[in-house]
Amino acid sequence: MAAIIERRFLEAGVGRRFRIEQRQDGESTVRSLVGYPAVYESPTMIGRVREIIKRGAFTDAVKSDDIRVLVNHDASLILGRSSSGTARFTTDDVGLRLECDLPETQAARDLIVSVERGDITGGSFGFRMWDPADEHETFEVKDGVMTRELHKVHLLDAGPVTFPAYQATEIALRSMSQWLDEHPMPNGLDLLKRELDLLDVEL
């Protein structure tokens, strides 16, 4: 079965918003986009399911994945790439930290203006789960709410977005339904499973 690509959107709080930094590299001035497209341990509701990115979920991804930096997930608006060294991803106690040296393109110039004006503040990231058999995501009812915890993910892209609302997509909910298909369900989850099946989205 093909891996499901999911995207998450985050309105960054004060102090964690994207910003533009600059440094001198010889005679040139390099401008970089710096910020957090994802944070750990921040419960967010997707429909009736609470989702939490657990601390360390990006540790392996920043070491091995070839991650693109895109504006609004648009592949035609690429700002950098980890394999080329123009983008650097790390993790800390906050979450996934991005630092990208911006190119001399119109998309980058427009972004600099929008970030410095405060028009663009939030970020987003695209990911897919590792082999489901490796149990890198868990589902459990906590405090009466179905909770999905992400323990390890593959990163595809990350970057600034215009509308940083954490969106409840059909694909995300269908992924949960698939997981419930493949795992024994504790008592009380049958109703949730039937609700998710009503989405009828092709994988």
Protein backbone atom coordinates (compact mmCIF):
# COMPACT_ATOMS: atom_id res chain seq x y z
CA MET A 1 0.00 0.00 0.00
CA ALA A 2 1.32 3.42 -0.95
CA ALA A 3 2.37 5.68 1.90
CA ILE A 4 -0.11 8.39 2.77
CA ILE A 5 1.23 11.94 2.60
CA GLU A 6 -0.12 14.17 5.36
CA ARG A 7 0.34 17.89 5.95
CA ARG A 8 0.04 19.88 9.15
CA PHE A 9 -0.25 23.65 9.56
CA LEU A 10 0.83 25.64 12.60
CA GLU A 11 0.20 29.21 13.69
CA ALA A 12 3.39 29.88 15.59
CA GLY A 13 3.18 31.66 18.91
CA VAL A 14 5.10 34.81 19.72
CA GLY A 15 8.82 34.04 19.85
CA ARG A 16 8.50 31.08 17.51
CA ARG A 17 7.39 32.83 14.35
CA PHE A 18 9.46 32.74 11.20
CA ARG A 19 11.99 35.53 10.96
CA ILE A 20 14.67 36.71 8.56
CA GLU A 21 18.29 36.73 9.74
CA GLN A 22 21.32 37.90 7.80
CA ARG A 23 25.06 37.32 7.96
CA GLN A 24 28.10 38.26 5.93
CA ASP A 25 29.70 35.58 3.77
CA GLY A 26 32.77 37.29 2.38
CA GLU A 27 31.49 40.25 0.40
CA SER A 28 27.99 38.85 0.14
CA THR A 29 25.07 39.19 2.55
CA VAL A 30 23.18 35.94 3.09
CA ARG A 31 19.58 36.16 4.26
CA SER A 32 18.11 33.14 6.01
CA LEU A 33 14.62 32.08 6.98
CA VAL A 34 14.59 30.77 10.55
CA GLY A 35 11.72 29.28 12.54
CA TYR A 36 9.75 26.25 13.71
CA PRO A 37 7.38 24.60 11.21
CA ALA A 38 6.41 22.03 13.90
CA VAL A 39 6.44 21.81 17.69
CA TYR A 40 6.39 18.86 20.07
CA GLU A 41 3.78 17.96 22.66
CA SER A 42 1.14 20.40 21.40
CA PRO A 43 -2.25 18.60 21.32
CA THR A 44 -4.35 19.57 18.32
CA MET A 45 -7.80 18.37 17.36
CA ILE A 46 -8.35 16.86 13.92
CA GLY A 47 -12.07 16.32 13.81
CA ARG A 48 -12.80 14.34 16.98
CA VAL A 49 -9.27 12.96 17.25
CA ARG A 50 -6.53 14.60 19.30
CA GLU A 51 -3.10 14.45 17.64
CA ILE A 52 0.23 14.92 19.40
CA ILE A 53 3.71 14.99 17.88
CA LYS A 54 5.87 13.33 20.49
CA ARG A 55 9.30 14.64 21.41
CA GLY A 56 11.92 13.03 19.15
CA ALA A 57 9.54 12.29 16.27
CA PHE A 58 11.82 14.15 13.83
CA THR A 59 15.20 12.97 15.16
CA ASP A 60 15.86 10.36 12.47
CA ALA A 61 14.22 12.40 9.71
CA VAL A 62 16.59 15.37 10.04
CA LYS A 63 19.53 12.97 9.70
CA SER A 64 18.36 10.93 6.73
CA ASP A 65 15.52 12.60 4.80
CA ASP A 66 16.00 14.94 1.84
CA ILE A 67 13.68 17.76 2.94
CA ARG A 68 12.60 20.62 0.68
CA VAL A 69 11.70 24.09 1.93
CA LEU A 70 8.59 25.26 0.07
CA VAL A 71 6.25 28.23 0.31
CA ASN A 72 2.68 26.98 0.84
CA HIS A 73 3.78 23.45 -0.14
CA ASP A 74 4.17 24.68 -3.72
CA ALA A 75 6.99 22.79 -5.47
CA SER A 76 7.44 25.71 -7.88
CA LEU A 77 8.29 27.99 -4.92
CA ILE A 78 11.32 26.14 -3.57
CA LEU A 79 13.60 28.02 -1.19
CA GLY A 80 16.14 25.36 -0.27
CA ARG A 81 16.86 21.67 0.22
CA SER A 82 18.65 19.73 2.91
CA SER A 83 20.66 17.56 0.50
CA SER A 84 22.15 20.66 -1.16
CA GLY A 85 23.06 22.23 2.16
CA THR A 86 20.92 25.31 1.50
CA ALA A 87 18.50 24.22 4.23
CA ARG A 88 19.33 22.84 7.65
CA PHE A 89 16.91 21.06 9.96
CA THR A 90 17.54 20.28 13.62
CA THR A 91 15.43 19.29 16.61
CA ASP A 92 15.43 20.66 20.13
CA ASP A 93 13.03 20.73 23.09
CA VAL A 94 10.63 22.93 21.12
CA GLY A 95 10.33 20.90 17.94
CA LEU A 96 11.56 20.99 14.34
CA ARG A 97 13.80 23.97 13.67
CA LEU A 98 14.45 25.22 10.15
CA GLU A 99 17.21 27.47 8.87
CA CYS A 100 17.24 28.11 5.11
CA ASP A 101 19.61 30.33 3.11
CA LEU A 102 17.30 32.15 0.73
CA PRO A 103 18.05 32.20 -3.00
CA GLU A 104 18.04 35.25 -5.28
CA THR A 105 14.61 34.47 -6.67
CA GLN A 106 11.40 36.46 -6.82
CA ALA A 107 9.69 33.99 -4.51
CA ALA A 108 12.37 34.52 -1.85
CA ARG A 109 12.30 38.30 -2.22
CA ASP A 110 8.52 38.33 -1.84
CA LEU A 111 8.77 36.07 1.21
CA ILE A 112 11.31 38.35 2.91
CA VAL A 113 8.94 41.29 2.58
CA SER A 114 5.94 39.28 3.86
CA VAL A 115 7.82 37.87 6.87
CA GLU A 116 9.35 41.21 7.85
CA ARG A 117 5.93 42.89 7.62
CA GLY A 118 4.42 40.18 9.81
CA ASP A 119 2.05 39.01 7.06
CA ILE A 120 3.45 35.46 7.16
CA THR A 121 4.09 34.03 10.63
CA GLY A 122 3.15 30.36 10.60
CA GLY A 123 4.61 27.22 9.13
CA SER A 124 3.72 23.78 7.90
CA PHE A 125 5.31 20.42 7.20
CA GLY A 126 4.53 17.44 4.99
CA PHE A 127 5.23 13.93 6.23
CA ARG A 128 4.46 10.27 5.91
CA MET A 129 4.58 7.55 8.50
CA TRP A 130 7.25 4.87 8.56
CA ASP A 131 6.26 1.25 7.97
CA PRO A 132 3.06 0.77 10.04
CA ALA A 133 4.43 -2.56 11.25
CA ASP A 134 7.11 -0.61 13.13
CA GLU A 135 4.46 0.94 15.42
CA HIS A 136 5.64 4.55 15.09
CA GLU A 137 2.15 5.86 15.72
CA THR A 138 -0.31 4.87 18.42
CA PHE A 139 -4.03 5.35 18.99
CA GLU A 140 -5.54 5.31 22.45
CA VAL A 141 -8.57 6.73 24.21
CA LYS A 142 -7.35 9.28 26.79
CA ASP A 143 -9.76 11.26 28.93
CA GLY A 144 -12.57 10.12 26.68
CA VAL A 145 -10.88 11.40 23.51
CA MET A 146 -9.32 9.27 20.78
CA THR A 147 -5.65 10.30 20.75
CA ARG A 148 -3.15 9.74 17.96
CA GLU A 149 0.52 10.07 18.95
CA LEU A 150 3.21 10.38 16.28
CA HIS A 151 6.51 8.92 17.51
CA LYS A 152 8.54 8.84 14.29
CA VAL A 153 7.85 10.30 10.84
CA HIS A 154 9.50 10.81 7.46
CA LEU A 155 9.72 14.49 6.50
CA LEU A 156 9.07 15.51 2.90
CA ASP A 157 8.90 19.30 3.04
CA ALA A 158 8.46 22.21 5.43
CA GLY A 159 8.22 25.95 5.24
CA PRO A 160 6.14 29.10 5.66
CA VAL A 161 2.44 29.22 4.82
CA THR A 162 -0.08 32.00 4.32
CA PHE A 163 -2.95 30.27 6.16
CA PRO A 164 -1.42 28.35 9.08
CA ALA A 165 -4.57 26.57 10.26
CA TYR A 166 -4.05 22.98 11.41
CA GLN A 167 -6.47 21.42 8.95
CA ALA A 168 -8.57 18.28 9.39
CA THR A 169 -8.05 16.58 6.03
CA GLU A 170 -9.90 13.53 4.81
CA ILE A 171 -6.59 11.77 4.23
CA ALA A 172 -5.55 12.26 7.85
CA LEU A 173 -8.82 10.83 9.12
CA ARG A 174 -8.73 7.97 6.62
CA SER A 175 -5.24 7.10 7.86
CA MET A 176 -6.67 6.69 11.34
CA SER A 177 -9.40 4.43 10.01
CA GLN A 178 -6.79 2.29 8.25
CA TRP A 179 -4.81 1.96 11.47
CA LEU A 180 -7.91 0.80 13.32
CA ASP A 181 -8.51 -1.79 10.59
CA GLU A 182 -5.08 -3.29 11.23
CA HIS A 183 -5.09 -3.29 15.04
CA PRO A 184 -7.35 -4.78 17.71
CA MET A 185 -9.78 -2.15 18.98
CA PRO A 186 -10.41 -1.55 22.67
CA ASN A 187 -14.05 -1.42 23.75
CA GLY A 188 -15.80 1.74 22.71
CA LEU A 189 -13.90 2.40 19.46
CA ASP A 190 -16.41 0.73 17.12
CA LEU A 191 -18.48 3.92 16.78
CA LEU A 192 -15.40 6.00 15.88
CA LYS A 193 -14.37 3.40 13.30
CA ARG A 194 -17.80 3.53 11.64
CA GLU A 195 -17.66 7.33 11.52
CA LEU A 196 -14.24 7.29 9.85
CA ASP A 197 -15.40 4.71 7.30
CA LEU A 198 -18.07 7.14 6.14
CA LEU A 199 -15.33 9.31 4.60
CA ASP A 200 -14.98 6.78 1.77
CA VAL A 201 -11.62 8.13 0.55
CA GLU A 202 -9.50 6.02 -1.78
CA LEU A 203 -5.99 5.21 -0.50
